[in-house]
Amino acid sequence: MPIIGILKTYERLPQVLIKSCTLSRQADRWFISFRFDVEQQKNDSTNIVGVDLGVKNLATLSTGEVVVGAKSYKKYEGKLRRMQWLHRRKVKGSVNWKKAQMAVARLHRKIANIRKDTLHKLTSVLAKNHGVIVIEDLNVSGMMANHKLAASIQDMSFFEFRRQLTYKCTLRGSKLVVVNRWFPSSKTCSNCGTKKETLSLDERVFHCDQCGFSLDRDLNAAINLSQAVS
């Protein structure tokens, strides 16, 4: 490395022509990431799947499969608050203050890694096994304005899900379709196509007054998304 010199790594370095590399630090660990060209894979699958993201469950697929989110922040929220409180009680700049600061940073890294692991597994399966993936263009910043749901939305990391799915679809040769955010996926009946005027957040089961069709709200939205391109 320039200026730094020779570095030892725990993993074997890629034996390819490297475009660039980036050094980064997370808590007390250093990481190096490489950028290089790879050949785009061919995906012969013709399967179309709709993916509806949610707060209760990370994703509901049009196939009926439900993926539960890691909810790592909610799991470690109490511990994080306690550690941050202990950190504030230390004398700023002291050895114990630095130790407490590093402990908080390590817990933040753990929470982020659990969340990213869940997202990577889901996006990899979707891009590999389906030819067309349909998602909705969510207004994440607008959704975050709801203070009751902001923490849960941030814990699911919708933006990171779309970012990963975008480059993995390009790599795997599958197609990502982003439906307009005004598409009424939740209000439309997936059986007859009738659209409801209003649908409150507490209505978890969609019931159509026209044909009497009833289905889970998220699954109904996922099916509508898959039908939007078929």
C-alpha atoms as a PDB file:
ATOM      1  CA  MET A   1       0.000   0.000   0.000  1.00  0.00           C
ATOM      2  CA  PRO A   2       1.230   3.560  -0.695  1.00  0.00           C
ATOM      3  CA  ILE A   3       2.878   5.193   2.337  1.00  0.00           C
ATOM      4  CA  ILE A   4       1.643   2.382   4.656  1.00  0.00           C
ATOM      5  CA  GLY A   5       3.696  -0.420   3.116  1.00  0.00           C
ATOM      6  CA  ILE A   6       2.967  -4.162   3.345  1.00  0.00           C
ATOM      7  CA  LEU A   7      -0.214  -5.307   5.096  1.00  0.00           C
ATOM      8  CA  LYS A   8      -1.139  -8.772   6.340  1.00  0.00           C
ATOM      9  CA  THR A   9      -4.695  -9.986   5.748  1.00  0.00           C
ATOM     10  CA  TYR A  10      -6.703 -12.801   7.298  1.00  0.00           C
ATOM     11  CA  GLU A  11      -8.211 -13.825   3.955  1.00  0.00           C
ATOM     12  CA  ARG A  12      -6.601 -14.692   0.640  1.00  0.00           C
ATOM     13  CA  LEU A  13      -6.420 -11.750  -1.754  1.00  0.00           C
ATOM     14  CA  PRO A  14      -8.246 -11.980  -5.122  1.00  0.00           C
ATOM     15  CA  GLN A  15      -5.922 -13.089  -7.922  1.00  0.00           C
ATOM     16  CA  VAL A  16      -7.375 -10.680 -10.480  1.00  0.00           C
ATOM     17  CA  LEU A  17      -6.607  -7.288 -11.966  1.00  0.00           C
ATOM     18  CA  ILE A  18      -7.659  -4.839  -9.261  1.00  0.00           C
ATOM     19  CA  LYS A  19      -9.207  -1.520 -10.312  1.00  0.00           C
ATOM     20  CA  SER A  20      -8.994   0.073  -6.879  1.00  0.00           C
ATOM     21  CA  CYS A  21      -9.025  -0.770  -3.193  1.00  0.00           C
ATOM     22  CA  THR A  22     -10.437   0.963  -0.137  1.00  0.00           C
ATOM     23  CA  LEU A  23      -9.337   0.776   3.486  1.00  0.00           C
ATOM     24  CA  SER A  24     -12.001   1.300   6.137  1.00  0.00           C
ATOM     25  CA  ARG A  25     -12.265   1.001   9.900  1.00  0.00           C
ATOM     26  CA  GLN A  26     -15.178  -0.339  11.909  1.00  0.00           C
ATOM     27  CA  ALA A  27     -14.705  -0.027  15.680  1.00  0.00           C
ATOM     28  CA  ASP A  28     -11.366  -1.745  16.397  1.00  0.00           C
ATOM     29  CA  ARG A  29     -11.092  -3.638  13.081  1.00  0.00           C
ATOM     30  CA  TRP A  30      -9.689  -2.635   9.706  1.00  0.00           C
ATOM     31  CA  PHE A  31     -11.076  -3.868   6.394  1.00  0.00           C
ATOM     32  CA  ILE A  32      -9.866  -3.698   2.803  1.00  0.00           C
ATOM     33  CA  SER A  33     -12.265  -3.966  -0.135  1.00  0.00           C
ATOM     34  CA  PHE A  34     -11.335  -4.463  -3.791  1.00  0.00           C
ATOM     35  CA  ARG A  35     -12.993  -3.329  -7.010  1.00  0.00           C
ATOM     36  CA  PHE A  36     -12.514  -5.459 -10.125  1.00  0.00           C
ATOM     37  CA  ASP A  37     -14.401  -6.497 -13.256  1.00  0.00           C
ATOM     38  CA  VAL A  38     -16.425  -9.721 -13.330  1.00  0.00           C
ATOM     39  CA  GLU A  39     -18.271 -11.425 -16.150  1.00  0.00           C
ATOM     40  CA  GLN A  40     -22.037 -11.042 -16.098  1.00  0.00           C
ATOM     41  CA  GLN A  41     -23.824 -14.329 -15.500  1.00  0.00           C
ATOM     42  CA  LYS A  42     -26.699 -15.629 -17.597  1.00  0.00           C
ATOM     43  CA  ASN A  43     -30.095 -16.194 -15.987  1.00  0.00           C
ATOM     44  CA  ASP A  44     -32.508 -18.363 -17.979  1.00  0.00           C
ATOM     45  CA  SER A  45     -35.253 -18.265 -15.360  1.00  0.00           C
ATOM     46  CA  THR A  46     -38.612 -16.816 -16.463  1.00  0.00           C
ATOM     47  CA  ASN A  47     -40.076 -16.639 -12.967  1.00  0.00           C
ATOM     48  CA  ILE A  48     -41.654 -13.339 -11.949  1.00  0.00           C
ATOM     49  CA  VAL A  49     -41.807 -12.543  -8.250  1.00  0.00           C
ATOM     50  CA  GLY A  50     -43.295  -9.545  -6.486  1.00  0.00           C
ATOM     51  CA  VAL A  51     -41.677  -8.392  -3.256  1.00  0.00           C
ATOM     52  CA  ASP A  52     -43.609  -6.300  -0.741  1.00  0.00           C
ATOM     53  CA  LEU A  53     -41.456  -4.788   1.994  1.00  0.00           C
ATOM     54  CA  GLY A  54     -42.934  -4.192   5.413  1.00  0.00           C
ATOM     55  CA  VAL A  55     -42.270  -3.327   9.039  1.00  0.00           C
ATOM     56  CA  LYS A  56     -43.733  -6.443  10.655  1.00  0.00           C
ATOM     57  CA  ASN A  57     -41.930  -8.752   8.218  1.00  0.00           C
ATOM     58  CA  LEU A  58     -38.994  -7.714   6.077  1.00  0.00           C
ATOM     59  CA  ALA A  59     -40.474  -9.057   2.847  1.00  0.00           C
ATOM     60  CA  THR A  60     -43.506 -10.937   1.610  1.00  0.00           C
ATOM     61  CA  LEU A  61     -43.093 -12.678  -1.746  1.00  0.00           C
ATOM     62  CA  SER A  62     -45.868 -13.265  -4.243  1.00  0.00           C
ATOM     63  CA  THR A  63     -45.107 -16.982  -3.925  1.00  0.00           C
ATOM     64  CA  GLY A  64     -46.429 -16.861  -0.357  1.00  0.00           C
ATOM     65  CA  GLU A  65     -43.030 -16.971   1.342  1.00  0.00           C
ATOM     66  CA  VAL A  66     -42.545 -14.574   4.250  1.00  0.00           C
ATOM     67  CA  VAL A  67     -39.056 -13.391   5.259  1.00  0.00           C
ATOM     68  CA  VAL A  68     -38.771 -12.178   8.841  1.00  0.00           C
ATOM     69  CA  GLY A  69     -36.383  -9.283   9.383  1.00  0.00           C
ATOM     70  CA  ALA A  70     -33.411  -9.548  11.724  1.00  0.00           C
ATOM     71  CA  LYS A  71     -34.582  -6.553  13.811  1.00  0.00           C
ATOM     72  CA  SER A  72     -31.091  -6.405  15.276  1.00  0.00           C
ATOM     73  CA  TYR A  73     -31.441  -2.874  16.642  1.00  0.00           C
ATOM     74  CA  LYS A  74     -34.643  -3.747  18.492  1.00  0.00           C
ATOM     75  CA  LYS A  75     -32.929  -6.819  19.924  1.00  0.00           C
ATOM     76  CA  TYR A  76     -29.925  -4.908  21.265  1.00  0.00           C
ATOM     77  CA  GLU A  77     -31.598  -1.548  21.921  1.00  0.00           C
ATOM     78  CA  GLY A  78     -31.647  -1.983  25.705  1.00  0.00           C
ATOM     79  CA  LYS A  79     -28.023  -3.063  25.857  1.00  0.00           C
ATOM     80  CA  LEU A  80     -26.953  -0.198  23.592  1.00  0.00           C
ATOM     81  CA  ARG A  81     -28.703   2.383  25.764  1.00  0.00           C
ATOM     82  CA  ARG A  82     -27.040   0.987  28.867  1.00  0.00           C
ATOM     83  CA  MET A  83     -23.587   1.071  27.283  1.00  0.00           C
ATOM     84  CA  GLN A  84     -24.109   4.615  26.006  1.00  0.00           C
ATOM     85  CA  TRP A  85     -25.201   5.709  29.484  1.00  0.00           C
ATOM     86  CA  LEU A  86     -22.063   4.172  31.004  1.00  0.00           C
ATOM     87  CA  HIS A  87     -19.967   5.913  28.353  1.00  0.00           C
ATOM     88  CA  ARG A  88     -21.418   9.302  29.286  1.00  0.00           C
ATOM     89  CA  ARG A  89     -20.551   8.678  32.949  1.00  0.00           C
ATOM     90  CA  LYS A  90     -16.830   8.373  32.201  1.00  0.00           C
ATOM     91  CA  VAL A  91     -14.358  11.235  32.299  1.00  0.00           C
ATOM     92  CA  LYS A  92     -14.029  12.446  28.706  1.00  0.00           C
ATOM     93  CA  GLY A  93     -10.649  11.549  27.216  1.00  0.00           C
ATOM     94  CA  SER A  94      -9.738   9.030  29.944  1.00  0.00           C
ATOM     95  CA  VAL A  95      -8.707   5.430  29.296  1.00  0.00           C
ATOM     96  CA  ASN A  96     -12.031   4.087  30.606  1.00  0.00           C
ATOM     97  CA  TRP A  97     -13.897   6.594  28.412  1.00  0.00           C
ATOM     98  CA  LYS A  98     -12.063   5.311  25.327  1.00  0.00           C
ATOM     99  CA  LYS A  99     -12.761   1.682  26.315  1.00  0.00           C
ATOM    100  CA  ALA A 100     -16.471   2.427  26.741  1.00  0.00           C
ATOM    101  CA  GLN A 101     -16.513   4.287  23.420  1.00  0.00           C
ATOM    102  CA  MET A 102     -14.970   1.295  21.655  1.00  0.00           C
ATOM    103  CA  ALA A 103     -17.482  -1.076  23.279  1.00  0.00           C
ATOM    104  CA  VAL A 104     -20.369   1.027  21.913  1.00  0.00           C
ATOM    105  CA  ALA A 105     -18.761   1.066  18.458  1.00  0.00           C
ATOM    106  CA  ARG A 106     -18.385  -2.733  18.486  1.00  0.00           C
ATOM    107  CA  LEU A 107     -22.058  -3.176  19.369  1.00  0.00           C
ATOM    108  CA  HIS A 108     -23.071  -0.800  16.553  1.00  0.00           C
ATOM    109  CA  ARG A 109     -20.953  -2.885  14.164  1.00  0.00           C
ATOM    110  CA  LYS A 110     -22.612  -6.095  15.375  1.00  0.00           C
ATOM    111  CA  ILE A 111     -26.101  -4.649  14.856  1.00  0.00           C
ATOM    112  CA  ALA A 112     -25.204  -3.489  11.337  1.00  0.00           C
ATOM    113  CA  ASN A 113     -23.591  -6.823  10.406  1.00  0.00           C
ATOM    114  CA  ILE A 114     -26.651  -8.834  11.496  1.00  0.00           C
ATOM    115  CA  ARG A 115     -28.888  -6.574   9.406  1.00  0.00           C
ATOM    116  CA  LYS A 116     -26.618  -6.752   6.342  1.00  0.00           C
ATOM    117  CA  ASP A 117     -26.330 -10.550   6.597  1.00  0.00           C
ATOM    118  CA  THR A 118     -30.124 -10.948   6.443  1.00  0.00           C
ATOM    119  CA  LEU A 119     -30.375  -8.581   3.482  1.00  0.00           C
ATOM    120  CA  HIS A 120     -27.520 -10.242   1.581  1.00  0.00           C
ATOM    121  CA  LYS A 121     -29.076 -13.699   1.950  1.00  0.00           C
ATOM    122  CA  LEU A 122     -32.486 -12.501   0.759  1.00  0.00           C
ATOM    123  CA  THR A 123     -31.257 -10.436  -2.204  1.00  0.00           C
ATOM    124  CA  SER A 124     -28.909 -13.220  -3.350  1.00  0.00           C
ATOM    125  CA  VAL A 125     -31.739 -15.788  -3.405  1.00  0.00           C
ATOM    126  CA  LEU A 126     -34.041 -13.413  -5.281  1.00  0.00           C
ATOM    127  CA  ALA A 127     -31.486 -12.425  -7.937  1.00  0.00           C
ATOM    128  CA  LYS A 128     -30.307 -16.018  -8.454  1.00  0.00           C
ATOM    129  CA  ASN A 129     -33.630 -17.875  -8.636  1.00  0.00           C
ATOM    130  CA  HIS A 130     -35.905 -15.397 -10.448  1.00  0.00           C
ATOM    131  CA  GLY A 131     -35.739 -13.818 -13.876  1.00  0.00           C
ATOM    132  CA  VAL A 132     -37.802 -10.744 -12.973  1.00  0.00           C
ATOM    133  CA  ILE A 133     -38.085  -9.166  -9.519  1.00  0.00           C
ATOM    134  CA  VAL A 134     -40.730  -6.480  -9.001  1.00  0.00           C
ATOM    135  CA  ILE A 135     -40.505  -4.047  -6.086  1.00  0.00           C
ATOM    136  CA  GLU A 136     -42.173  -0.766  -5.204  1.00  0.00           C
ATOM    137  CA  ASP A 137     -40.454   2.624  -5.256  1.00  0.00           C
ATOM    138  CA  LEU A 138     -40.875   3.449  -1.570  1.00  0.00           C
ATOM    139  CA  ASN A 139     -40.677   6.992  -0.238  1.00  0.00           C
ATOM    140  CA  VAL A 140     -38.395   6.038   2.643  1.00  0.00           C
ATOM    141  CA  SER A 141     -37.687   9.612   3.743  1.00  0.00           C
ATOM    142  CA  GLY A 142     -41.415  10.323   3.878  1.00  0.00           C
ATOM    143  CA  MET A 143     -42.077   7.114   5.816  1.00  0.00           C
ATOM    144  CA  MET A 144     -39.392   8.080   8.322  1.00  0.00           C
ATOM    145  CA  ALA A 145     -41.448  11.184   9.170  1.00  0.00           C
ATOM    146  CA  ASN A 146     -43.826   8.871  11.046  1.00  0.00           C
ATOM    147  CA  HIS A 147     -42.069   8.819  14.434  1.00  0.00           C
ATOM    148  CA  LYS A 148     -43.975   5.722  15.534  1.00  0.00           C
ATOM    149  CA  LEU A 149     -42.572   3.658  12.641  1.00  0.00           C
ATOM    150  CA  ALA A 150     -39.251   5.436  11.993  1.00  0.00           C
ATOM    151  CA  ALA A 151     -37.139   3.131  14.193  1.00  0.00           C
ATOM    152  CA  SER A 152     -38.689  -0.038  12.724  1.00  0.00           C
ATOM    153  CA  ILE A 153     -38.251   1.217   9.146  1.00  0.00           C
ATOM    154  CA  GLN A 154     -34.630   2.122   9.803  1.00  0.00           C
ATOM    155  CA  ASP A 155     -34.044  -1.289  11.397  1.00  0.00           C
ATOM    156  CA  MET A 156     -35.308  -3.023   8.219  1.00  0.00           C
ATOM    157  CA  SER A 157     -33.078  -0.844   5.978  1.00  0.00           C
ATOM    158  CA  PHE A 158     -35.237  -0.606   2.843  1.00  0.00           C
ATOM    159  CA  PHE A 159     -32.694   1.525   0.989  1.00  0.00           C
ATOM    160  CA  GLU A 160     -29.919  -1.044   1.529  1.00  0.00           C
ATOM    161  CA  PHE A 161     -32.250  -3.804   0.284  1.00  0.00           C
ATOM    162  CA  ARG A 162     -32.823  -1.985  -3.003  1.00  0.00           C
ATOM    163  CA  ARG A 163     -29.135  -1.103  -3.381  1.00  0.00           C
ATOM    164  CA  GLN A 164     -28.038  -4.721  -2.977  1.00  0.00           C
ATOM    165  CA  LEU A 165     -30.796  -6.043  -5.228  1.00  0.00           C
ATOM    166  CA  THR A 166     -29.881  -3.562  -7.979  1.00  0.00           C
ATOM    167  CA  TYR A 167     -26.261  -4.647  -8.406  1.00  0.00           C
ATOM    168  CA  LYS A 168     -26.976  -8.346  -7.789  1.00  0.00           C
ATOM    169  CA  CYS A 169     -29.621  -8.417 -10.523  1.00  0.00           C
ATOM    170  CA  THR A 170     -27.076  -6.890 -12.908  1.00  0.00           C
ATOM    171  CA  LEU A 171     -24.497  -9.476 -11.876  1.00  0.00           C
ATOM    172  CA  ARG A 172     -26.855 -12.464 -12.074  1.00  0.00           C
ATOM    173  CA  GLY A 173     -28.485 -11.427 -15.355  1.00  0.00           C
ATOM    174  CA  SER A 174     -31.956 -10.987 -13.869  1.00  0.00           C
ATOM    175  CA  LYS A 175     -34.217  -7.960 -14.312  1.00  0.00           C
ATOM    176  CA  LEU A 176     -35.282  -5.585 -11.553  1.00  0.00           C
ATOM    177  CA  VAL A 177     -38.544  -3.703 -12.133  1.00  0.00           C
ATOM    178  CA  VAL A 178     -39.336  -0.763  -9.835  1.00  0.00           C
ATOM    179  CA  VAL A 179     -43.035   0.093  -9.866  1.00  0.00           C
ATOM    180  CA  ASN A 180     -44.157   3.692  -9.352  1.00  0.00           C
ATOM    181  CA  ARG A 181     -44.743   4.568  -5.698  1.00  0.00           C
ATOM    182  CA  TRP A 182     -48.322   5.636  -6.490  1.00  0.00           C
ATOM    183  CA  PHE A 183     -49.239   2.149  -7.712  1.00  0.00           C
ATOM    184  CA  PRO A 184     -52.081   0.984  -5.378  1.00  0.00           C
ATOM    185  CA  SER A 185     -50.647  -2.450  -4.629  1.00  0.00           C
ATOM    186  CA  SER A 186     -52.200  -2.669  -1.159  1.00  0.00           C
ATOM    187  CA  LYS A 187     -55.612  -1.216  -2.062  1.00  0.00           C
ATOM    188  CA  THR A 188     -56.212  -3.337  -5.189  1.00  0.00           C
ATOM    189  CA  CYS A 189     -57.806  -6.771  -5.097  1.00  0.00           C
ATOM    190  CA  SER A 190     -55.437  -9.300  -6.680  1.00  0.00           C
ATOM    191  CA  ASN A 191     -58.414 -11.493  -7.621  1.00  0.00           C
ATOM    192  CA  CYS A 192     -60.765  -9.128  -9.486  1.00  0.00           C
ATOM    193  CA  GLY A 193     -58.771  -5.880  -9.709  1.00  0.00           C
ATOM    194  CA  THR A 194     -61.210  -3.734  -7.726  1.00  0.00           C
ATOM    195  CA  LYS A 195     -59.543  -0.809  -5.961  1.00  0.00           C
ATOM    196  CA  LYS A 196     -60.508   0.290  -2.465  1.00  0.00           C
ATOM    197  CA  GLU A 197     -60.783   3.969  -1.670  1.00  0.00           C
ATOM    198  CA  THR A 198     -59.169   3.720   1.772  1.00  0.00           C
ATOM    199  CA  LEU A 199     -57.171   1.091   3.654  1.00  0.00           C
ATOM    200  CA  SER A 200     -55.921   1.818   7.163  1.00  0.00           C
ATOM    201  CA  LEU A 201     -52.602   0.514   8.491  1.00  0.00           C
ATOM    202  CA  ASP A 202     -54.266  -1.633  11.155  1.00  0.00           C
ATOM    203  CA  GLU A 203     -56.157  -3.664   8.517  1.00  0.00           C
ATOM    204  CA  ARG A 204     -53.801  -6.610   8.139  1.00  0.00           C
ATOM    205  CA  VAL A 205     -56.236  -8.685   6.045  1.00  0.00           C
ATOM    206  CA  PHE A 206     -57.444  -7.361   2.694  1.00  0.00           C
ATOM    207  CA  HIS A 207     -61.143  -8.003   2.068  1.00  0.00           C
ATOM    208  CA  CYS A 208     -62.736  -7.168  -1.271  1.00  0.00           C
ATOM    209  CA  ASP A 209     -66.317  -5.931  -1.048  1.00  0.00           C
ATOM    210  CA  GLN A 210     -66.845  -6.648  -4.770  1.00  0.00           C
ATOM    211  CA  CYS A 211     -65.970 -10.354  -5.003  1.00  0.00           C
ATOM    212  CA  GLY A 212     -65.622 -11.290  -1.323  1.00  0.00           C
ATOM    213  CA  PHE A 213     -61.949 -12.257  -1.731  1.00  0.00           C
ATOM    214  CA  SER A 214     -59.860 -12.159   1.469  1.00  0.00           C
ATOM    215  CA  LEU A 215     -56.081 -12.413   1.742  1.00  0.00           C
ATOM    216  CA  ASP A 216     -53.207 -11.213   3.895  1.00  0.00           C
ATOM    217  CA  ARG A 217     -52.566  -7.548   3.141  1.00  0.00           C
ATOM    218  CA  ASP A 218     -48.841  -7.930   2.334  1.00  0.00           C
ATOM    219  CA  LEU A 219     -49.324 -11.063   0.216  1.00  0.00           C
ATOM    220  CA  ASN A 220     -52.081  -9.335  -1.740  1.00  0.00           C
ATOM    221  CA  ALA A 221     -49.740  -6.410  -2.442  1.00  0.00           C
ATOM    222  CA  ALA A 222     -46.908  -8.746  -3.517  1.00  0.00           C
ATOM    223  CA  ILE A 223     -49.206 -10.561  -5.974  1.00  0.00           C
ATOM    224  CA  ASN A 224     -50.331  -7.227  -7.440  1.00  0.00           C
ATOM    225  CA  LEU A 225     -46.696  -6.242  -7.940  1.00  0.00           C
ATOM    226  CA  SER A 226     -45.938  -9.495  -9.773  1.00  0.00           C
ATOM    227  CA  GLN A 227     -48.993  -8.985 -12.000  1.00  0.00           C
ATOM    228  CA  ALA A 228     -47.959  -5.424 -12.844  1.00  0.00           C
ATOM    229  CA  VAL A 229     -45.420  -6.645 -15.430  1.00  0.00           C
ATOM    230  CA  SER A 230     -47.058  -9.881 -16.534  1.00  0.00           C
END
